[in-house]
Amino acid sequence: MLAAQSPTPATPADEVRLTQENRAAIRCSAAFAIIAHLQSTGDESARKWPDLGPRGREFFVVALAQVMDQTGLDRNGVAQLVGDEARRLRDEGAVDAVMPACLVMLEASGV
């Protein structure tokens, strides 16, 4: 009887199929988190982008909640994907390359 009441375990992050929209939300959330952090520490390289404080956080929350709803991932699974993407963006020096498209996505989100 207890097994019937237990919640279904979340899908592991490495087993989930992401749509193009899910991947873009994860990529832009990671990029916004990186830029917002750099802006909060006064890093000169982040000054070329609009302030991402509250708006970037709101996008992060809303977009990743949608990814959770659409994929069945829990917070830990989504956090793993965003963390992996943030590392990839930093390692490849790709944050500045994705930011223009991410800012368009931010505007389109209405956040």
Protein backbone atom coordinates (compact mmCIF):
# COMPACT_ATOMS: atom_id res chain seq x y z
CA MET A 1 0.00 0.00 0.00
CA LEU A 2 2.85 2.42 0.71
CA ALA A 3 4.35 1.77 -2.70
CA ALA A 4 1.14 2.93 -4.34
CA GLN A 5 1.34 6.21 -2.45
CA SER A 6 4.99 6.91 -3.16
CA PRO A 7 5.63 9.58 -5.77
CA THR A 8 7.05 8.45 -9.08
CA PRO A 9 10.80 9.04 -9.13
CA ALA A 10 11.96 11.80 -11.44
CA THR A 11 13.60 10.92 -14.72
CA PRO A 12 17.42 10.98 -14.53
CA ALA A 13 18.83 13.96 -16.43
CA ASP A 14 21.00 11.80 -18.68
CA GLU A 15 17.97 9.79 -19.86
CA VAL A 16 15.62 12.62 -20.78
CA ARG A 17 14.93 13.73 -24.35
CA LEU A 18 15.06 17.48 -24.65
CA THR A 19 13.28 19.49 -27.30
CA GLN A 20 15.07 22.32 -29.09
CA GLU A 21 13.05 24.71 -26.91
CA ASN A 22 14.16 22.90 -23.74
CA ARG A 23 17.80 23.06 -24.83
CA ALA A 24 17.51 26.79 -25.60
CA ALA A 25 15.91 27.46 -22.20
CA ILE A 26 18.72 25.59 -20.45
CA ARG A 27 21.43 27.29 -22.54
CA CYS A 28 20.02 30.78 -21.97
CA SER A 29 19.38 30.17 -18.28
CA ALA A 30 23.01 29.12 -17.90
CA ALA A 31 24.26 32.12 -19.89
CA PHE A 32 22.10 34.54 -17.88
CA ALA A 33 23.34 33.04 -14.61
CA ILE A 34 26.96 33.46 -15.70
CA ILE A 35 26.49 37.06 -16.86
CA ALA A 36 24.39 38.01 -13.81
CA HIS A 37 27.11 36.62 -11.54
CA LEU A 38 29.82 38.53 -13.40
CA GLN A 39 27.72 41.70 -13.24
CA SER A 40 27.20 41.27 -9.49
CA THR A 41 30.96 41.04 -8.96
CA GLY A 42 31.64 44.12 -11.10
CA ASP A 43 33.39 42.21 -13.88
CA GLU A 44 34.04 44.62 -16.75
CA SER A 45 33.39 41.97 -19.40
CA ALA A 46 29.74 41.72 -18.34
CA ARG A 47 29.03 45.45 -18.61
CA LYS A 48 28.32 45.19 -22.34
CA TRP A 49 25.10 43.28 -21.57
CA PRO A 50 21.89 44.67 -20.06
CA ASP A 51 21.48 44.19 -16.31
CA LEU A 52 20.21 40.64 -15.87
CA GLY A 53 19.49 40.76 -12.13
CA PRO A 54 15.75 40.40 -11.49
CA ARG A 55 14.69 39.75 -15.08
CA GLY A 56 17.32 37.09 -15.66
CA ARG A 57 16.35 35.35 -12.41
CA GLU A 58 12.66 35.41 -13.37
CA PHE A 59 13.46 33.95 -16.80
CA PHE A 60 15.60 31.27 -15.12
CA VAL A 61 12.77 30.26 -12.77
CA VAL A 62 9.97 30.29 -15.35
CA ALA A 63 11.94 28.63 -18.16
CA LEU A 64 13.31 25.87 -15.98
CA ALA A 65 9.92 25.20 -14.38
CA GLN A 66 8.62 24.64 -17.91
CA VAL A 67 11.51 22.26 -18.63
CA MET A 68 10.63 20.34 -15.45
CA ASP A 69 6.96 20.15 -16.45
CA GLN A 70 7.73 19.04 -20.00
CA THR A 71 10.43 16.48 -19.20
CA GLY A 72 9.53 15.05 -15.80
CA LEU A 73 12.90 16.09 -14.40
CA ASP A 74 13.08 17.23 -10.79
CA ARG A 75 15.04 20.27 -9.57
CA ASN A 76 18.22 18.26 -9.17
CA GLY A 77 17.97 16.94 -12.72
CA VAL A 78 17.43 20.40 -14.18
CA ALA A 79 20.20 21.82 -11.98
CA GLN A 80 22.55 19.16 -13.35
CA LEU A 81 21.70 20.10 -16.94
CA VAL A 82 22.11 23.83 -16.30
CA GLY A 83 25.39 23.27 -14.45
CA ASP A 84 26.72 21.12 -17.28
CA GLU A 85 25.68 23.75 -19.83
CA ALA A 86 27.26 26.58 -17.81
CA ARG A 87 30.54 24.66 -17.65
CA ARG A 88 30.39 24.00 -21.40
CA LEU A 89 29.71 27.68 -22.18
CA ARG A 90 32.61 28.80 -19.96
CA ASP A 91 35.02 26.12 -21.19
CA GLU A 92 34.29 26.92 -24.83
CA GLY A 93 34.22 30.68 -24.28
CA ALA A 94 30.76 30.68 -25.85
CA VAL A 95 28.78 32.89 -23.45
CA ASP A 96 29.14 36.03 -25.57
CA ALA A 97 28.21 34.08 -28.71
CA VAL A 98 24.87 32.86 -27.28
CA MET A 99 23.86 36.06 -25.50
CA PRO A 100 22.31 37.90 -28.49
CA ALA A 101 19.90 35.02 -29.21
CA CYS A 102 19.23 34.61 -25.49
CA LEU A 103 18.33 38.29 -25.13
CA VAL A 104 15.84 37.85 -27.98
CA MET A 105 14.41 34.85 -26.12
CA LEU A 106 14.21 36.94 -22.93
CA GLU A 107 12.29 39.69 -24.74
CA ALA A 108 9.94 37.16 -26.34
CA SER A 109 9.26 35.54 -22.95
CA GLY A 110 7.54 38.65 -21.66
CA VAL A 111 9.47 38.45 -18.39
